[in-house]
Protein backbone atom coordinates (compact mmCIF):
# COMPACT_ATOMS: atom_id res chain seq x y z
CA UNK A 1 36.29 11.80 -4.36
CA UNK A 2 37.69 9.06 -6.55
CA UNK A 3 39.47 9.77 -9.78
CA UNK A 4 37.41 10.32 -12.92
CA UNK A 5 36.75 7.19 -14.94
CA UNK A 6 37.42 7.19 -18.66
CA UNK A 7 34.69 5.57 -20.69
CA UNK A 8 34.98 5.06 -24.41
CA UNK A 9 32.11 4.68 -26.84
CA UNK A 10 32.75 2.87 -30.12
CA UNK A 11 30.33 2.84 -33.01
CA UNK A 12 30.64 -0.34 -35.04
CA UNK A 13 29.01 1.28 -38.06
CA UNK A 14 31.80 3.74 -38.76
CA UNK A 15 34.60 2.98 -36.36
CA UNK A 16 34.57 6.42 -34.80
CA UNK A 17 35.13 6.71 -31.07
CA UNK A 18 34.09 9.34 -28.61
CA UNK A 19 35.61 9.69 -25.18
CA UNK A 20 34.11 11.37 -22.15
CA UNK A 21 35.08 11.84 -18.55
CA UNK A 22 32.64 10.57 -15.96
CA UNK A 23 33.04 11.65 -12.35
CA UNK A 24 32.47 9.39 -9.39
CA UNK A 25 29.07 9.36 -7.73
CA UNK A 26 28.06 11.47 -4.78
CA UNK A 27 27.49 9.42 -1.64
CA UNK A 28 23.84 9.75 -0.59
CA UNK A 29 23.19 7.37 2.26
CA UNK A 30 19.82 8.26 3.70
CA UNK A 31 16.94 10.08 2.10
CA UNK A 32 17.16 12.48 -0.82
CA UNK A 33 18.73 15.90 -1.01
CA UNK A 34 16.74 18.99 -1.85
CA UNK A 35 19.09 19.84 -4.69
CA UNK A 36 17.66 20.23 -8.16
CA UNK A 37 20.87 18.87 -9.66
CA UNK A 38 21.83 15.23 -9.39
CA UNK A 39 25.47 14.21 -9.10
CA UNK A 40 27.26 13.19 -12.27
CA UNK A 41 28.56 9.66 -11.84
CA UNK A 42 27.32 8.80 -15.27
CA UNK A 43 26.74 10.12 -18.74
CA UNK A 44 23.81 12.28 -19.73
CA UNK A 45 22.85 12.86 -23.33
CA UNK A 46 20.60 15.54 -24.80
CA UNK A 47 23.14 18.22 -23.92
CA UNK A 48 21.94 19.17 -20.48
CA UNK A 49 24.64 17.90 -18.12
CA UNK A 50 28.14 16.39 -18.34
CA UNK A 51 27.51 14.77 -21.68
CA UNK A 52 29.96 14.74 -24.54
CA UNK A 53 28.09 12.01 -26.34
CA UNK A 54 25.44 12.30 -29.00
CA UNK A 55 24.15 8.76 -29.36
CA UNK A 56 22.91 8.88 -32.93
CA UNK A 57 22.99 5.09 -32.94
CA UNK A 58 23.21 2.58 -30.08
CA UNK A 59 26.77 2.42 -28.82
CA UNK A 60 28.93 -0.51 -27.84
CA UNK A 61 30.45 0.49 -24.55
CA UNK A 62 33.77 -0.64 -23.17
CA UNK A 63 35.29 0.32 -19.86
CA UNK A 64 38.48 -0.58 -17.97
CA UNK A 65 38.30 -4.25 -17.00
CA UNK A 66 35.82 -5.24 -19.69
CA UNK A 67 32.29 -4.29 -20.61
CA UNK A 68 30.54 -6.42 -17.97
CA UNK A 69 32.65 -5.61 -14.94
CA UNK A 70 30.47 -4.40 -12.09
CA UNK A 71 31.63 -1.87 -9.54
CA UNK A 72 32.21 -3.31 -6.02
CA UNK A 73 28.87 -2.27 -4.51
CA UNK A 74 26.92 -3.71 -7.42
CA UNK A 75 29.06 -6.83 -7.42
CA UNK A 76 28.30 -7.41 -3.75
CA UNK A 77 24.59 -7.55 -4.57
CA UNK A 78 25.18 -9.84 -7.55
CA UNK A 79 27.37 -12.14 -5.43
CA UNK A 80 24.66 -12.31 -2.79
CA UNK A 81 22.06 -13.09 -5.44
CA UNK A 82 24.23 -15.95 -6.73
CA UNK A 83 24.65 -17.25 -3.18
CA UNK A 84 20.88 -17.49 -2.81
CA UNK A 85 20.97 -20.33 -5.32
CA UNK A 86 18.27 -19.37 -7.77
CA UNK A 87 17.69 -21.48 -10.86
CA UNK A 88 17.99 -20.11 -14.42
CA UNK A 89 14.62 -18.47 -14.94
CA UNK A 90 14.43 -19.38 -18.60
CA UNK A 91 14.36 -23.08 -17.59
CA UNK A 92 11.36 -22.72 -15.29
CA UNK A 93 7.60 -22.44 -15.63
CA UNK A 94 6.32 -18.98 -14.63
CA UNK A 95 4.83 -20.13 -11.32
CA UNK A 96 8.22 -21.48 -10.28
CA UNK A 97 10.11 -18.47 -11.64
CA UNK A 98 8.06 -16.20 -9.40
CA UNK A 99 9.44 -18.02 -6.36
CA UNK A 100 13.10 -17.48 -7.25
CA UNK A 101 15.36 -15.15 -5.22
CA UNK A 102 15.16 -11.56 -6.38
CA UNK A 103 17.84 -8.87 -6.75
CA UNK A 104 15.84 -6.81 -4.25
CA UNK A 105 16.12 -9.60 -1.68
CA UNK A 106 19.85 -9.82 -2.30
CA UNK A 107 20.22 -6.06 -1.81
CA UNK A 108 18.29 -6.32 1.44
CA UNK A 109 20.64 -9.00 2.69
CA UNK A 110 23.67 -6.89 1.80
CA UNK A 111 22.14 -4.00 3.71
CA UNK A 112 21.44 -6.20 6.73
CA UNK A 113 25.01 -7.50 6.74
CA UNK A 114 26.16 -3.88 6.83
CA UNK A 115 24.11 -3.39 10.00
CA UNK A 116 21.32 -1.37 8.40
CA UNK A 117 17.72 -1.56 9.51
CA UNK A 118 15.99 -2.95 6.42
CA UNK A 119 12.52 -1.85 7.45
CA UNK A 120 11.32 0.12 4.40
CA UNK A 121 10.45 3.19 6.48
CA UNK A 122 13.98 3.16 7.89
CA UNK A 123 15.71 2.73 4.54
CA UNK A 124 13.57 5.51 3.03
CA UNK A 125 12.38 7.69 5.92
CA UNK A 126 9.61 10.19 5.50
CA UNK A 127 7.35 8.04 3.33
CA UNK A 128 4.36 6.02 4.49
CA UNK A 129 2.46 3.44 2.45
CA UNK A 130 -0.91 1.73 2.46
CA UNK A 131 -2.21 -1.15 0.36
CA UNK A 132 -5.61 -1.06 -1.27
CA UNK A 133 -7.39 -2.20 -4.41
CA UNK A 134 -8.43 -0.09 -7.37
CA UNK A 135 -10.78 -0.97 -10.24
CA UNK A 136 -9.25 -2.51 -13.35
CA UNK A 137 -10.67 -3.49 -16.73
CA UNK A 138 -10.98 -7.15 -15.67
CA UNK A 139 -11.47 -6.78 -11.93
CA UNK A 140 -9.82 -5.20 -8.89
CA UNK A 141 -6.08 -4.51 -8.99
CA UNK A 142 -3.87 -4.49 -5.88
CA UNK A 143 -2.09 -1.18 -5.43
CA UNK A 144 0.19 0.48 -2.92
CA UNK A 145 -0.07 4.21 -2.25
CA UNK A 146 3.10 5.94 -1.03
CA UNK A 147 2.75 9.35 0.59
CA UNK A 148 5.55 11.74 1.59
CA UNK A 149 5.49 13.82 4.76
CA UNK A 150 3.42 16.98 4.62
CA UNK A 151 -0.11 18.12 4.04
CA UNK A 152 -0.17 18.17 0.23
CA UNK A 153 -1.67 18.23 -2.22
CA UNK A 154 1.29 16.47 -3.81
CA UNK A 155 2.04 15.58 -7.40
CA UNK A 156 1.00 12.03 -8.30
CA UNK A 157 3.27 9.48 -9.97
CA UNK A 158 1.76 6.26 -11.33
CA UNK A 159 4.49 3.64 -11.15
CA UNK A 160 4.75 0.26 -12.90
CA UNK A 161 7.01 -2.51 -11.61
CA UNK A 162 9.36 -4.61 -13.72
CA UNK A 163 9.56 -8.36 -14.28
CA UNK A 164 9.11 -8.82 -18.01
CA UNK A 165 5.31 -8.70 -17.60
CA UNK A 166 5.57 -12.25 -16.19
CA UNK A 167 7.07 -12.10 -12.69
CA UNK A 168 7.41 -9.76 -9.69
CA UNK A 169 5.00 -7.36 -8.05
CA UNK A 170 4.79 -4.09 -6.15
CA UNK A 171 6.52 -5.63 -3.11
CA UNK A 172 9.61 -6.69 -5.07
CA UNK A 173 9.89 -3.16 -6.49
CA UNK A 174 9.01 -1.35 -3.28
CA UNK A 175 12.42 0.34 -3.14
CA UNK A 176 12.06 2.07 -6.49
CA UNK A 177 8.54 3.32 -5.89
CA UNK A 178 9.30 4.43 -2.35
CA UNK A 179 12.40 6.33 -3.45
CA UNK A 180 10.39 8.21 -6.10
CA UNK A 181 7.89 9.28 -3.44
CA UNK A 182 10.74 10.58 -1.30
CA UNK A 183 12.97 12.14 -3.93
CA UNK A 184 10.11 13.52 -6.03
CA UNK A 185 8.05 14.63 -3.01
CA UNK A 186 5.07 12.98 -4.66
CA UNK A 187 2.32 10.49 -3.98
CA UNK A 188 3.19 7.29 -5.83
CA UNK A 189 0.60 4.75 -6.93
CA UNK A 190 2.25 1.36 -7.60
CA UNK A 191 -0.02 -1.24 -9.17
CA UNK A 192 0.04 -5.00 -9.51
CA UNK A 193 -1.11 -5.25 -13.11
CA UNK A 194 -2.11 -8.66 -14.48
CA UNK A 195 0.76 -10.95 -15.40
CA UNK A 196 1.38 -13.23 -18.35
CA UNK A 197 1.00 -16.01 -19.34
CA UNK A 198 -2.24 -16.19 -17.36
CA UNK A 199 -3.14 -12.85 -18.93
CA UNK A 200 -1.51 -12.34 -22.30
CA UNK A 201 -0.59 -9.01 -23.88
CA UNK A 202 -2.15 -6.43 -23.96
CA UNK A 203 -3.67 -7.07 -20.51
CA UNK A 204 -0.70 -5.40 -18.80
CA UNK A 205 -1.01 -2.27 -20.91
CA UNK A 206 -4.77 -2.14 -20.39
CA UNK A 207 -4.29 -2.30 -16.62
CA UNK A 208 -1.59 0.37 -16.79
CA UNK A 209 -3.92 2.80 -18.55
CA UNK A 210 -6.79 1.97 -16.18
CA UNK A 211 -4.53 2.76 -13.23
CA UNK A 212 -3.62 6.12 -14.71
CA UNK A 213 -7.31 6.90 -15.31
CA UNK A 214 -8.07 6.02 -11.70
CA UNK A 215 -5.21 8.14 -10.36
CA UNK A 216 -6.31 11.21 -12.35
CA UNK A 217 -9.89 10.83 -11.18
CA UNK A 218 -9.06 10.07 -7.55
CA UNK A 219 -5.92 12.14 -6.99
CA UNK A 220 -7.57 14.44 -4.46
CA UNK A 221 -8.63 11.47 -2.30
CA UNK A 222 -4.99 10.41 -1.87
CA UNK A 223 -3.62 13.90 -1.10
CA UNK A 224 -2.70 14.36 -4.76
CA UNK A 225 -3.04 17.11 -7.33
CA UNK A 226 -4.66 15.88 -10.59
CA UNK A 227 -3.05 18.78 -12.45
CA UNK A 228 0.43 17.42 -11.66
CA UNK A 229 0.57 13.81 -12.85
CA UNK A 230 3.52 11.71 -13.99
CA UNK A 231 4.27 8.18 -15.11
CA UNK A 232 7.24 6.02 -14.11
CA UNK A 233 8.39 2.43 -14.26
CA UNK A 234 11.27 0.00 -14.42
CA UNK A 235 12.10 -2.45 -17.23
CA UNK A 236 8.74 -3.82 -18.43
CA UNK A 237 7.28 -1.04 -16.30
CA UNK A 238 9.49 1.48 -18.07
CA UNK A 239 7.82 0.36 -21.27
CA UNK A 240 4.38 0.68 -19.65
CA UNK A 241 5.14 4.24 -18.54
CA UNK A 242 5.86 5.42 -22.09
CA UNK A 243 3.10 3.33 -23.66
CA UNK A 244 0.60 4.70 -21.15
CA UNK A 245 1.56 8.26 -22.00
CA UNK A 246 0.82 7.44 -25.65
CA UNK A 247 -2.48 5.80 -24.69
CA UNK A 248 -3.47 8.75 -22.49
CA UNK A 249 -2.82 11.11 -25.40
CA UNK A 250 -4.90 9.00 -27.75
CA UNK A 251 -7.73 8.67 -25.21
CA UNK A 252 -7.89 12.41 -24.60
CA UNK A 253 -6.97 12.06 -20.92
CA UNK A 254 -5.10 14.79 -19.03
CA UNK A 255 -1.49 14.36 -20.01
CA UNK A 256 1.21 13.62 -17.47
CA UNK A 257 3.82 16.31 -16.90
CA UNK A 258 6.70 13.83 -17.14
CA UNK A 259 7.64 10.22 -17.82
CA UNK A 260 10.47 8.45 -15.99
CA UNK A 261 11.44 5.31 -17.93
CA UNK A 262 14.07 3.20 -16.17
CA UNK A 263 15.92 0.67 -18.36
CA UNK A 264 12.80 0.20 -20.49
CA UNK A 265 11.92 -2.54 -22.92
CA UNK A 266 11.57 -0.43 -26.05
CA UNK A 267 11.83 -2.83 -29.01
CA UNK A 268 11.89 -6.59 -29.71
CA UNK A 269 15.26 -7.10 -31.42
CA UNK A 270 17.61 -9.12 -29.19
CA UNK A 271 20.62 -8.78 -31.52
CA UNK A 272 21.60 -5.24 -30.54
CA UNK A 273 25.12 -4.59 -29.31
CA UNK A 274 24.06 -4.46 -25.67
CA UNK A 275 22.12 -7.73 -25.99
CA UNK A 276 25.19 -9.42 -27.47
CA UNK A 277 27.60 -7.89 -24.97
CA UNK A 278 25.38 -8.76 -21.98
CA UNK A 279 23.93 -12.03 -23.26
CA UNK A 280 24.88 -13.79 -20.02
CA UNK A 281 24.66 -10.84 -17.67
CA UNK A 282 23.12 -10.98 -14.22
CA UNK A 283 20.45 -10.42 -13.14
CA UNK A 284 19.00 -10.05 -16.67
CA UNK A 285 20.20 -12.08 -19.65
CA UNK A 286 19.21 -12.35 -23.27
CA UNK A 287 17.72 -15.81 -22.66
CA UNK A 288 15.50 -14.40 -19.94
CA UNK A 289 14.22 -11.71 -22.29
CA UNK A 290 13.29 -14.37 -24.82
CA UNK A 291 11.52 -16.31 -22.08
CA UNK A 292 9.56 -13.21 -21.04
CA UNK A 293 8.49 -12.56 -24.63
CA UNK A 294 7.44 -16.17 -25.18
CA UNK A 295 5.13 -16.07 -22.19
CA UNK A 296 3.77 -12.56 -22.76
CA UNK A 297 2.69 -12.36 -26.38
CA UNK A 298 -0.13 -14.20 -28.12
CA UNK A 299 1.72 -14.43 -31.44
CA UNK A 300 5.11 -13.20 -32.68
CA UNK A 301 3.28 -10.36 -34.40
CA UNK A 302 2.49 -8.87 -30.99
CA UNK A 303 6.16 -8.01 -30.60
CA UNK A 304 5.74 -5.46 -33.39
CA UNK A 305 2.76 -3.82 -31.71
CA UNK A 306 3.68 -0.21 -30.99
CA UNK A 307 2.91 -0.72 -27.30
CA UNK A 308 5.87 -3.10 -27.11
CA UNK A 309 7.92 -1.75 -30.03
CA UNK A 310 7.97 1.80 -28.70
CA UNK A 311 10.61 3.00 -31.12
CA UNK A 312 8.07 2.52 -33.92
CA UNK A 313 5.21 4.17 -32.02
CA UNK A 314 3.74 7.61 -32.69
CA UNK A 315 5.49 9.51 -29.91
CA UNK A 316 4.43 13.01 -30.94
CA UNK A 317 3.03 15.21 -28.24
CA UNK A 318 4.44 13.33 -25.27
CA UNK A 319 5.64 15.18 -22.18
CA UNK A 320 9.36 15.30 -21.29
CA UNK A 321 10.81 11.80 -20.91
CA UNK A 322 13.73 10.82 -18.71
CA UNK A 323 15.47 7.52 -19.48
CA UNK A 324 17.78 5.84 -16.97
CA UNK A 325 20.03 3.03 -18.19
CA UNK A 326 22.54 0.66 -16.62
CA UNK A 327 25.75 -0.30 -18.41
CA UNK A 328 25.53 -4.03 -17.66
CA UNK A 329 22.14 -4.63 -19.20
CA UNK A 330 20.83 -6.17 -22.45
CA UNK A 331 18.31 -3.30 -22.53
CA UNK A 332 20.92 -0.52 -22.60
CA UNK A 333 20.56 0.01 -26.34
CA UNK A 334 16.78 -0.05 -26.03
CA UNK A 335 17.09 3.12 -23.99
CA UNK A 336 19.36 4.72 -26.59
CA UNK A 337 17.01 3.78 -29.42
CA UNK A 338 14.01 5.13 -27.53
CA UNK A 339 15.87 8.37 -26.89
CA UNK A 340 16.48 8.83 -30.60
CA UNK A 341 12.87 8.00 -31.47
CA UNK A 342 11.67 10.59 -28.98
CA UNK A 343 14.04 13.18 -30.38
CA UNK A 344 12.76 12.45 -33.87
CA UNK A 345 9.25 13.11 -32.57
CA UNK A 346 10.39 16.44 -31.08
CA UNK A 347 9.84 15.21 -27.52
CA UNK A 348 12.11 16.64 -24.84
CA UNK A 349 14.23 13.73 -23.61
CA UNK A 350 17.16 13.25 -21.30
CA UNK A 351 18.97 9.95 -20.91
CA UNK A 352 21.44 9.08 -18.18
CA UNK A 353 23.66 6.00 -18.35
CA UNK A 354 25.15 4.62 -15.13
CA UNK A 355 28.50 2.90 -15.51
CA UNK A 356 29.42 -0.26 -13.60
CA UNK A 357 25.91 -1.17 -12.50
CA UNK A 358 23.44 -3.75 -13.74
CA UNK A 359 19.77 -4.03 -14.55
CA UNK A 360 17.66 -3.72 -11.36
CA UNK A 361 20.09 -1.37 -9.61
CA UNK A 362 17.45 1.36 -9.25
CA UNK A 363 15.86 1.22 -5.81
CA UNK A 364 19.04 -0.16 -4.18
CA UNK A 365 20.16 3.20 -2.85
CA UNK A 366 20.72 1.77 0.63
CA UNK A 367 23.70 -0.25 -0.65
CA UNK A 368 24.70 1.21 -4.04
CA UNK A 369 25.72 4.86 -4.27
CA UNK A 370 24.92 5.10 -7.96
CA UNK A 371 21.43 3.80 -7.30
CA UNK A 372 20.98 6.57 -4.76
CA UNK A 373 22.14 9.05 -7.36
CA UNK A 374 19.73 7.64 -9.93
CA UNK A 375 16.86 7.92 -7.47
CA UNK A 376 17.79 11.53 -6.74
CA UNK A 377 18.12 12.27 -10.43
CA UNK A 378 14.67 10.86 -11.15
CA UNK A 379 13.22 12.85 -8.27
CA UNK A 380 14.82 16.05 -9.46
CA UNK A 381 13.50 15.50 -12.97
CA UNK A 382 10.01 15.05 -11.55
CA UNK A 383 10.30 18.21 -9.47
CA UNK A 384 11.46 20.16 -12.50
CA UNK A 385 8.48 18.93 -14.50
CA UNK A 386 6.10 19.79 -11.68
CA UNK A 387 7.54 23.30 -11.41
CA UNK A 388 9.13 22.81 -8.01
């Protein structure tokens, strides 16, 4: 095991610093363990693991080598993504942006160069998937149903992909959804919600709620248990997961047992410390976030809607929420701010910050050890919520 890494948090508001020791990640190469305790290669707040941090305000984080230095495994993926020659997304129209190389593709190439079989069922064994359509508020929605080995009935996780509500789909985010099915021992329903700008906000949130309604109603038909539901998502999908929990509460639907929100968009301010620090980060930059917002909303006022500005939403009565953040990410402080808003609403919340990795690392467990840990952590949190 490598030596512990010292990470220092500095709060610009008062100059105080807090230091914690973060141990190196546990190597998890294939599949997920049955342990109910994820390894601690990161920091966890809310006082339930190795945390010595109470993030009362978003923190500016510095680490040896500078705040945007990626660990070698993450850097290999970022280098491969650069080598694929994509254009700056913020300079492109959406239809062209959707054709650009993805971090997932780069991770697959790194895995292939390491001699790994990149067939999804080989990278994440024990999970099968089938594509189908489900009804949405404006027409059928493509969905992919992931099912773990066994007879069930299994818990059901409704999963929302990332992409700023403008790009990507369930295929690009297959790794994240598939890993949740494996590590959480759950059926996962991943949906291709409508994208902007063809379908402006709140179309994405409407589709997200419709998918949850469908999953609750049809859980038994997909080997699922409607009494054990959860919501999960990455980035824009991490926002959708929390927003859908709020919408389900307001609509009187059966509440999910848990929400897994992975580097979520939680508020519209792009001047936070993590936005400034990671303004030019890869694969997500501040300019890209502005581009996503421009194409998604109808008017600037939409950015203050509580479905986008989650930290201003009524979060009372939500189930336990788990937030996963990456260090090298403009959205890192969004996760910290959402954590504090949930605490203020008396919602059980746990937030884990992974050092040395970037936005989109989740789902790259085949090539990044900390991604494998994050996938296991999310799965363990789901199992705990489901009483397993």
